Amino acid sequence: MERPTTRLLLRVFVVSVAINALLGIGILVFGDLGETQGRILGTSLLLSATMLGILVNGPAAARGVLWPVPIVGAVTAAIGLGMLIVAVWADGLDGNWFRSAGSFLVVAVAATLAGGLALLPLAGRYRPALPTTVGLIAMLTACILFAIWVEYEPDWFLRLVGVLSLLVAAGTIVIPVLSRFAGDEPAGAADVDREVPAEAAVRYCPSCGYAVGELPVGTAVGCGRCGFTFEVLEAAGALDPSDRH
């Protein structure tokens, strides 16, 4: 997602939150929360949630991590919340409508969680934690979707959902903690303490700061830690590790 688009969505989100606050205050202070007012407020809240669902997937989409999972998260969030907005105003919708909306939102939450975890830098010895957790998220998502559409919930299935939920929760807690130790991994591709010619430099990933090696002008490289792809556009002198950003 390009930065101008992100800025636009952020402005829309801030404006929608402000409108929600004003509507809520106006309804609570100056009038009764009737059916129409409730629908307007509910629609505004759901629109804010839609913008938030798109925004939180923006960084992962921009960096191309777990592609196309972040895009799936943004799109399914928009579809699911859009269906709920329709439900706010339409009467007589059947259960399949709400099952579909719930299914889209379950996928959106799972994709957003996976994309967010993938943004965290992990040292090489900890990297298997990410695909393991993403796989568990996918399994839990499949079980929840099955439960939404199929009225078949034996005891073993509920136990499986519980086990998967605990494992996903554990991975969601552990990966951010492990990312705090990402800087302990050796630079690998380049010795950051030795001098390099002026026409090359020890380059660091502009996304996470990981040392990726001496790169001449015109070289494109993908970061081995976070997966961000970038290109060296101009030569520079040797960089000090403290210059990372």
C-alpha atoms as a PDB file:
ATOM      1  CA  MET A   1       0.000   0.000   0.000  1.00  0.00           C
ATOM      2  CA  GLU A   2       1.541   3.310  -1.054  1.00  0.00           C
ATOM      3  CA  ARG A   3       2.106   6.015   1.523  1.00  0.00           C
ATOM      4  CA  PRO A   4      -0.287   8.595  -0.062  1.00  0.00           C
ATOM      5  CA  THR A   5      -3.052   5.990   0.101  1.00  0.00           C
ATOM      6  CA  THR A   6      -2.171   5.197   3.705  1.00  0.00           C
ATOM      7  CA  ARG A   7      -2.245   8.875   4.633  1.00  0.00           C
ATOM      8  CA  LEU A   8      -5.636   9.282   2.966  1.00  0.00           C
ATOM      9  CA  LEU A   9      -7.058   6.275   4.801  1.00  0.00           C
ATOM     10  CA  LEU A  10      -5.620   7.560   8.064  1.00  0.00           C
ATOM     11  CA  ARG A  11      -7.311  10.935   7.579  1.00  0.00           C
ATOM     12  CA  VAL A  12     -10.597   9.233   6.751  1.00  0.00           C
ATOM     13  CA  PHE A  13     -10.261   7.062   9.848  1.00  0.00           C
ATOM     14  CA  VAL A  14      -9.551  10.030  12.128  1.00  0.00           C
ATOM     15  CA  VAL A  15     -12.478  11.974  10.662  1.00  0.00           C
ATOM     16  CA  SER A  16     -14.806   8.982  11.058  1.00  0.00           C
ATOM     17  CA  VAL A  17     -13.782   8.539  14.702  1.00  0.00           C
ATOM     18  CA  ALA A  18     -14.445  12.237  15.328  1.00  0.00           C
ATOM     19  CA  ILE A  19     -17.859  11.925  13.661  1.00  0.00           C
ATOM     20  CA  ASN A  20     -18.644   8.870  15.803  1.00  0.00           C
ATOM     21  CA  ALA A  21     -17.786  10.797  18.931  1.00  0.00           C
ATOM     22  CA  LEU A  22     -19.909  13.792  17.905  1.00  0.00           C
ATOM     23  CA  LEU A  23     -22.850  11.598  16.912  1.00  0.00           C
ATOM     24  CA  GLY A  24     -22.683   9.654  20.146  1.00  0.00           C
ATOM     25  CA  ILE A  25     -22.458  12.798  22.259  1.00  0.00           C
ATOM     26  CA  GLY A  26     -25.258  14.456  20.328  1.00  0.00           C
ATOM     27  CA  ILE A  27     -27.570  11.468  20.644  1.00  0.00           C
ATOM     28  CA  LEU A  28     -26.856  10.949  24.347  1.00  0.00           C
ATOM     29  CA  VAL A  29     -27.075  14.604  25.322  1.00  0.00           C
ATOM     30  CA  PHE A  30     -29.721  16.086  23.041  1.00  0.00           C
ATOM     31  CA  GLY A  31     -32.006  13.236  22.055  1.00  0.00           C
ATOM     32  CA  ASP A  32     -33.183   9.699  22.454  1.00  0.00           C
ATOM     33  CA  LEU A  33     -31.352   6.805  20.886  1.00  0.00           C
ATOM     34  CA  GLY A  34     -34.104   5.843  18.483  1.00  0.00           C
ATOM     35  CA  GLU A  35     -33.946   3.305  15.698  1.00  0.00           C
ATOM     36  CA  THR A  36     -32.743   5.725  13.035  1.00  0.00           C
ATOM     37  CA  GLN A  37     -30.160   7.362  15.289  1.00  0.00           C
ATOM     38  CA  GLY A  38     -28.912   3.945  16.361  1.00  0.00           C
ATOM     39  CA  ARG A  39     -28.544   2.853  12.766  1.00  0.00           C
ATOM     40  CA  ILE A  40     -26.618   6.005  11.873  1.00  0.00           C
ATOM     41  CA  LEU A  41     -24.289   5.574  14.825  1.00  0.00           C
ATOM     42  CA  GLY A  42     -23.830   1.863  14.109  1.00  0.00           C
ATOM     43  CA  THR A  43     -23.037   2.584  10.464  1.00  0.00           C
ATOM     44  CA  SER A  44     -20.483   5.208  11.427  1.00  0.00           C
ATOM     45  CA  LEU A  45     -18.812   2.843  13.891  1.00  0.00           C
ATOM     46  CA  LEU A  46     -18.661   0.064  11.311  1.00  0.00           C
ATOM     47  CA  LEU A  47     -17.169   2.443   8.738  1.00  0.00           C
ATOM     48  CA  SER A  48     -14.469   3.380  11.266  1.00  0.00           C
ATOM     49  CA  ALA A  49     -13.815  -0.303  11.899  1.00  0.00           C
ATOM     50  CA  THR A  50     -13.510  -0.850   8.137  1.00  0.00           C
ATOM     51  CA  MET A  51     -10.896   1.892   7.821  1.00  0.00           C
ATOM     52  CA  LEU A  52      -9.040   0.450  10.811  1.00  0.00           C
ATOM     53  CA  GLY A  53      -9.097  -3.033   9.289  1.00  0.00           C
ATOM     54  CA  ILE A  54      -7.530  -1.682   6.102  1.00  0.00           C
ATOM     55  CA  LEU A  55      -4.984   0.481   7.904  1.00  0.00           C
ATOM     56  CA  VAL A  56      -3.624  -2.213  10.204  1.00  0.00           C
ATOM     57  CA  ASN A  57      -2.892  -4.385   7.167  1.00  0.00           C
ATOM     58  CA  GLY A  58      -1.192  -1.535   5.328  1.00  0.00           C
ATOM     59  CA  PRO A  59       2.372  -1.942   6.697  1.00  0.00           C
ATOM     60  CA  ALA A  60       2.477  -5.678   5.990  1.00  0.00           C
ATOM     61  CA  ALA A  61       1.039  -5.141   2.498  1.00  0.00           C
ATOM     62  CA  ALA A  62       3.549  -2.364   1.749  1.00  0.00           C
ATOM     63  CA  ARG A  63       6.502  -4.535   2.773  1.00  0.00           C
ATOM     64  CA  GLY A  64       5.200  -7.597   0.953  1.00  0.00           C
ATOM     65  CA  VAL A  65       5.380  -9.925   3.949  1.00  0.00           C
ATOM     66  CA  LEU A  66       3.331 -13.130   3.705  1.00  0.00           C
ATOM     67  CA  TRP A  67       1.975 -11.894   0.392  1.00  0.00           C
ATOM     68  CA  PRO A  68      -0.982 -11.810  -0.321  1.00  0.00           C
ATOM     69  CA  VAL A  69      -2.177 -12.458   3.251  1.00  0.00           C
ATOM     70  CA  PRO A  70      -2.290  -8.747   4.272  1.00  0.00           C
ATOM     71  CA  ILE A  71      -4.345  -7.895   1.179  1.00  0.00           C
ATOM     72  CA  VAL A  72      -6.704 -10.750   2.008  1.00  0.00           C
ATOM     73  CA  GLY A  73      -7.024  -9.358   5.538  1.00  0.00           C
ATOM     74  CA  ALA A  74      -7.894  -5.860   4.320  1.00  0.00           C
ATOM     75  CA  VAL A  75     -10.352  -7.054   1.655  1.00  0.00           C
ATOM     76  CA  THR A  76     -12.182  -9.549   3.873  1.00  0.00           C
ATOM     77  CA  ALA A  77     -12.421  -6.979   6.674  1.00  0.00           C
ATOM     78  CA  ALA A  78     -14.011  -4.509   4.260  1.00  0.00           C
ATOM     79  CA  ILE A  79     -16.430  -7.133   2.897  1.00  0.00           C
ATOM     80  CA  GLY A  80     -17.437  -8.501   6.298  1.00  0.00           C
ATOM     81  CA  LEU A  81     -17.990  -5.095   7.861  1.00  0.00           C
ATOM     82  CA  GLY A  82     -19.748  -3.904   4.724  1.00  0.00           C
ATOM     83  CA  MET A  83     -22.184  -6.789   5.057  1.00  0.00           C
ATOM     84  CA  LEU A  84     -22.841  -5.769   8.655  1.00  0.00           C
ATOM     85  CA  ILE A  85     -23.545  -2.214   7.507  1.00  0.00           C
ATOM     86  CA  VAL A  86     -26.130  -3.608   5.092  1.00  0.00           C
ATOM     87  CA  ALA A  87     -27.595  -5.623   7.961  1.00  0.00           C
ATOM     88  CA  VAL A  88     -27.948  -2.466  10.046  1.00  0.00           C
ATOM     89  CA  TRP A  89     -30.340  -1.001   7.493  1.00  0.00           C
ATOM     90  CA  ALA A  90     -31.934  -4.048   5.880  1.00  0.00           C
ATOM     91  CA  ASP A  91     -34.599  -6.168   7.477  1.00  0.00           C
ATOM     92  CA  GLY A  92     -35.294  -9.836   6.913  1.00  0.00           C
ATOM     93  CA  LEU A  93     -31.760 -11.002   6.174  1.00  0.00           C
ATOM     94  CA  ASP A  94     -31.379 -14.728   6.773  1.00  0.00           C
ATOM     95  CA  GLY A  95     -28.797 -16.531   8.820  1.00  0.00           C
ATOM     96  CA  ASN A  96     -26.567 -17.226   5.831  1.00  0.00           C
ATOM     97  CA  TRP A  97     -25.956 -13.500   5.462  1.00  0.00           C
ATOM     98  CA  PHE A  98     -24.618 -13.250   9.003  1.00  0.00           C
ATOM     99  CA  ARG A  99     -22.678 -16.504   8.657  1.00  0.00           C
ATOM    100  CA  SER A 100     -21.017 -15.103   5.555  1.00  0.00           C
ATOM    101  CA  ALA A 101     -20.208 -11.817   7.280  1.00  0.00           C
ATOM    102  CA  GLY A 102     -18.805 -13.697  10.259  1.00  0.00           C
ATOM    103  CA  SER A 103     -16.718 -15.900   7.986  1.00  0.00           C
ATOM    104  CA  PHE A 104     -15.179 -12.899   6.258  1.00  0.00           C
ATOM    105  CA  LEU A 105     -14.389 -11.293   9.607  1.00  0.00           C
ATOM    106  CA  VAL A 106     -12.796 -14.477  10.967  1.00  0.00           C
ATOM    107  CA  VAL A 107     -10.522 -14.638   7.920  1.00  0.00           C
ATOM    108  CA  ALA A 108      -9.778 -10.916   8.288  1.00  0.00           C
ATOM    109  CA  VAL A 109      -8.730 -11.273  11.928  1.00  0.00           C
ATOM    110  CA  ALA A 110      -6.572 -14.314  11.142  1.00  0.00           C
ATOM    111  CA  ALA A 111      -4.870 -12.650   8.161  1.00  0.00           C
ATOM    112  CA  THR A 112      -4.291  -9.435  10.102  1.00  0.00           C
ATOM    113  CA  LEU A 113      -2.758 -11.326  13.015  1.00  0.00           C
ATOM    114  CA  ALA A 114      -0.484 -13.354  10.741  1.00  0.00           C
ATOM    115  CA  GLY A 115       0.629 -10.267   8.812  1.00  0.00           C
ATOM    116  CA  GLY A 116       1.309  -8.346  11.999  1.00  0.00           C
ATOM    117  CA  LEU A 117       3.455 -11.140  13.411  1.00  0.00           C
ATOM    118  CA  ALA A 118       5.368 -11.394  10.123  1.00  0.00           C
ATOM    119  CA  LEU A 119       6.432  -7.755  10.466  1.00  0.00           C
ATOM    120  CA  LEU A 120       8.418  -8.537  13.599  1.00  0.00           C
ATOM    121  CA  PRO A 121      12.135  -9.222  12.990  1.00  0.00           C
ATOM    122  CA  LEU A 122      13.350 -12.605  14.190  1.00  0.00           C
ATOM    123  CA  ALA A 123      16.891 -13.915  14.504  1.00  0.00           C
ATOM    124  CA  GLY A 124      17.622 -16.967  12.373  1.00  0.00           C
ATOM    125  CA  ARG A 125      17.319 -19.478  15.182  1.00  0.00           C
ATOM    126  CA  TYR A 126      13.874 -18.125  16.085  1.00  0.00           C
ATOM    127  CA  ARG A 127      12.406 -17.822  12.581  1.00  0.00           C
ATOM    128  CA  PRO A 128      10.659 -21.227  12.596  1.00  0.00           C
ATOM    129  CA  ALA A 129       8.311 -19.788  15.226  1.00  0.00           C
ATOM    130  CA  LEU A 130       6.634 -17.614  12.585  1.00  0.00           C
ATOM    131  CA  PRO A 131       5.603 -20.270  10.027  1.00  0.00           C
ATOM    132  CA  THR A 132       4.601 -22.550  12.895  1.00  0.00           C
ATOM    133  CA  THR A 133       2.317 -19.906  14.369  1.00  0.00           C
ATOM    134  CA  VAL A 134       0.929 -18.936  10.963  1.00  0.00           C
ATOM    135  CA  GLY A 135       0.126 -22.589  10.293  1.00  0.00           C
ATOM    136  CA  LEU A 136      -1.671 -22.845  13.635  1.00  0.00           C
ATOM    137  CA  ILE A 137      -3.636 -19.678  12.832  1.00  0.00           C
ATOM    138  CA  ALA A 138      -4.687 -21.208   9.510  1.00  0.00           C
ATOM    139  CA  MET A 139      -5.810 -24.423  11.224  1.00  0.00           C
ATOM    140  CA  LEU A 140      -7.768 -22.539  13.879  1.00  0.00           C
ATOM    141  CA  THR A 141      -9.395 -20.379  11.198  1.00  0.00           C
ATOM    142  CA  ALA A 142     -10.464 -23.460   9.249  1.00  0.00           C
ATOM    143  CA  CYS A 143     -11.991 -24.987  12.391  1.00  0.00           C
ATOM    144  CA  ILE A 144     -13.925 -21.815  13.212  1.00  0.00           C
ATOM    145  CA  LEU A 145     -15.252 -21.546   9.660  1.00  0.00           C
ATOM    146  CA  PHE A 146     -16.301 -25.193   9.839  1.00  0.00           C
ATOM    147  CA  ALA A 147     -18.129 -24.503  13.100  1.00  0.00           C
ATOM    148  CA  ILE A 148     -19.899 -21.483  11.584  1.00  0.00           C
ATOM    149  CA  TRP A 149     -21.300 -23.412   8.631  1.00  0.00           C
ATOM    150  CA  VAL A 150     -21.646 -26.976   9.897  1.00  0.00           C
ATOM    151  CA  GLU A 151     -23.704 -27.788  12.957  1.00  0.00           C
ATOM    152  CA  TYR A 152     -21.397 -30.571  14.039  1.00  0.00           C
ATOM    153  CA  GLU A 153     -19.449 -29.915  17.206  1.00  0.00           C
ATOM    154  CA  PRO A 154     -18.485 -33.153  18.968  1.00  0.00           C
ATOM    155  CA  ASP A 155     -16.465 -33.031  22.134  1.00  0.00           C
ATOM    156  CA  TRP A 156     -13.181 -33.803  20.381  1.00  0.00           C
ATOM    157  CA  PHE A 157     -13.728 -30.919  17.945  1.00  0.00           C
ATOM    158  CA  LEU A 158     -14.272 -28.429  20.740  1.00  0.00           C
ATOM    159  CA  ARG A 159     -11.158 -29.722  22.462  1.00  0.00           C
ATOM    160  CA  LEU A 160      -9.205 -29.307  19.211  1.00  0.00           C
ATOM    161  CA  VAL A 161     -10.388 -25.704  18.872  1.00  0.00           C
ATOM    162  CA  GLY A 162      -9.361 -25.061  22.459  1.00  0.00           C
ATOM    163  CA  VAL A 163      -5.893 -26.544  21.955  1.00  0.00           C
ATOM    164  CA  LEU A 164      -5.346 -24.580  18.743  1.00  0.00           C
ATOM    165  CA  SER A 165      -6.530 -21.383  20.423  1.00  0.00           C
ATOM    166  CA  LEU A 166      -4.034 -21.845  23.247  1.00  0.00           C
ATOM    167  CA  LEU A 167      -1.192 -22.562  20.828  1.00  0.00           C
ATOM    168  CA  VAL A 168      -2.043 -19.512  18.703  1.00  0.00           C
ATOM    169  CA  ALA A 169      -2.179 -17.368  21.837  1.00  0.00           C
ATOM    170  CA  ALA A 170       1.213 -18.717  22.900  1.00  0.00           C
ATOM    171  CA  GLY A 171       2.749 -17.953  19.504  1.00  0.00           C
ATOM    172  CA  THR A 172       1.233 -14.478  19.499  1.00  0.00           C
ATOM    173  CA  ILE A 173       2.888 -13.792  22.843  1.00  0.00           C
ATOM    174  CA  VAL A 174       6.223 -15.495  22.161  1.00  0.00           C
ATOM    175  CA  ILE A 175       7.039 -14.008  18.735  1.00  0.00           C
ATOM    176  CA  PRO A 176       7.020 -10.350  19.910  1.00  0.00           C
ATOM    177  CA  VAL A 177       9.235 -11.362  22.826  1.00  0.00           C
ATOM    178  CA  LEU A 178      11.670 -13.215  20.562  1.00  0.00           C
ATOM    179  CA  SER A 179      11.803 -10.235  18.206  1.00  0.00           C
ATOM    180  CA  ARG A 180      13.430  -8.247  21.002  1.00  0.00           C
ATOM    181  CA  PHE A 181      16.478 -10.481  20.615  1.00  0.00           C
ATOM    182  CA  ALA A 182      16.731 -10.122  16.833  1.00  0.00           C
ATOM    183  CA  GLY A 183      19.758  -7.878  17.174  1.00  0.00           C
ATOM    184  CA  ASP A 184      21.731 -10.700  18.780  1.00  0.00           C
ATOM    185  CA  GLU A 185      22.129 -12.460  15.414  1.00  0.00           C
ATOM    186  CA  PRO A 186      25.552 -12.007  13.714  1.00  0.00           C
ATOM    187  CA  ALA A 187      25.536  -9.713  10.683  1.00  0.00           C
ATOM    188  CA  GLY A 188      26.497 -12.664   8.477  1.00  0.00           C
ATOM    189  CA  ALA A 189      26.745 -11.154   5.014  1.00  0.00           C
ATOM    190  CA  ALA A 190      29.177  -8.420   6.032  1.00  0.00           C
ATOM    191  CA  ASP A 191      31.520  -7.570   8.871  1.00  0.00           C
ATOM    192  CA  VAL A 192      30.114  -4.268  10.061  1.00  0.00           C
ATOM    193  CA  ASP A 193      33.344  -3.238  11.811  1.00  0.00           C
ATOM    194  CA  ARG A 194      35.665  -3.260   8.786  1.00  0.00           C
ATOM    195  CA  GLU A 195      36.064  -0.346   6.375  1.00  0.00           C
ATOM    196  CA  VAL A 196      34.720  -0.638   2.857  1.00  0.00           C
ATOM    197  CA  PRO A 197      35.459   1.295  -0.340  1.00  0.00           C
ATOM    198  CA  ALA A 198      33.662   4.581  -0.988  1.00  0.00           C
ATOM    199  CA  GLU A 199      31.812   3.099  -3.941  1.00  0.00           C
ATOM    200  CA  ALA A 200      30.165   0.550  -1.669  1.00  0.00           C
ATOM    201  CA  ALA A 201      28.812   0.606   1.817  1.00  0.00           C
ATOM    202  CA  VAL A 202      27.570  -1.696   4.497  1.00  0.00           C
ATOM    203  CA  ARG A 203      23.893  -1.361   3.893  1.00  0.00           C
ATOM    204  CA  TYR A 204      21.171  -1.917   6.420  1.00  0.00           C
ATOM    205  CA  CYS A 205      17.597  -2.849   5.734  1.00  0.00           C
ATOM    206  CA  PRO A 206      15.582   0.401   5.841  1.00  0.00           C
ATOM    207  CA  SER A 207      12.727  -1.556   7.360  1.00  0.00           C
ATOM    208  CA  CYS A 208      14.295  -3.329  10.338  1.00  0.00           C
ATOM    209  CA  GLY A 209      17.977  -2.242  10.393  1.00  0.00           C
ATOM    210  CA  TYR A 210      19.443  -5.690   9.700  1.00  0.00           C
ATOM    211  CA  ALA A 211      22.922  -5.641   8.084  1.00  0.00           C
ATOM    212  CA  VAL A 212      22.618  -7.054   4.552  1.00  0.00           C
ATOM    213  CA  GLY A 213      26.186  -6.554   3.268  1.00  0.00           C
ATOM    214  CA  GLU A 214      28.235  -4.429   0.862  1.00  0.00           C
ATOM    215  CA  LEU A 215      25.941  -3.483  -1.974  1.00  0.00           C
ATOM    216  CA  PRO A 216      27.019  -1.533  -5.082  1.00  0.00           C
ATOM    217  CA  VAL A 217      24.740   0.931  -6.799  1.00  0.00           C
ATOM    218  CA  GLY A 218      21.945  -0.742  -8.731  1.00  0.00           C
ATOM    219  CA  THR A 219      21.777  -3.794  -6.501  1.00  0.00           C
ATOM    220  CA  ALA A 220      18.362  -4.973  -5.368  1.00  0.00           C
ATOM    221  CA  VAL A 221      18.200  -7.169  -2.303  1.00  0.00           C
ATOM    222  CA  GLY A 222      15.633  -8.714  -0.010  1.00  0.00           C
ATOM    223  CA  CYS A 223      16.260  -8.495   3.712  1.00  0.00           C
ATOM    224  CA  GLY A 224      16.938 -11.908   5.206  1.00  0.00           C
ATOM    225  CA  ARG A 225      15.212 -10.956   8.418  1.00  0.00           C
ATOM    226  CA  CYS A 226      11.951  -9.185   7.528  1.00  0.00           C
ATOM    227  CA  GLY A 227      11.724  -9.895   3.782  1.00  0.00           C
ATOM    228  CA  PHE A 228      11.603  -6.203   2.760  1.00  0.00           C
ATOM    229  CA  THR A 229      12.985  -5.633  -0.768  1.00  0.00           C
ATOM    230  CA  PHE A 230      14.926  -2.464  -1.628  1.00  0.00           C
ATOM    231  CA  GLU A 231      17.475  -1.161  -4.154  1.00  0.00           C
ATOM    232  CA  VAL A 232      20.693   0.851  -3.702  1.00  0.00           C
ATOM    233  CA  LEU A 233      20.246   4.038  -5.726  1.00  0.00           C
ATOM    234  CA  GLU A 234      23.479   5.897  -4.957  1.00  0.00           C
ATOM    235  CA  ALA A 235      26.963   5.238  -3.627  1.00  0.00           C
ATOM    236  CA  ALA A 236      27.995   6.254  -0.142  1.00  0.00           C
ATOM    237  CA  GLY A 237      30.955   5.928   2.152  1.00  0.00           C
ATOM    238  CA  ALA A 238      31.265   3.305   4.832  1.00  0.00           C
ATOM    239  CA  LEU A 239      28.410   3.453   7.261  1.00  0.00           C
ATOM    240  CA  ASP A 240      28.685   3.066  10.973  1.00  0.00           C
ATOM    241  CA  PRO A 241      26.321   0.543  12.569  1.00  0.00           C
ATOM    242  CA  SER A 242      24.920   3.380  14.669  1.00  0.00           C
ATOM    243  CA  ASP A 243      23.561   4.943  11.467  1.00  0.00           C
ATOM    244  CA  ARG A 244      21.004   2.219  10.992  1.00  0.00           C
ATOM    245  CA  HIS A 245      17.383   3.258  10.590  1.00  0.00           C
END
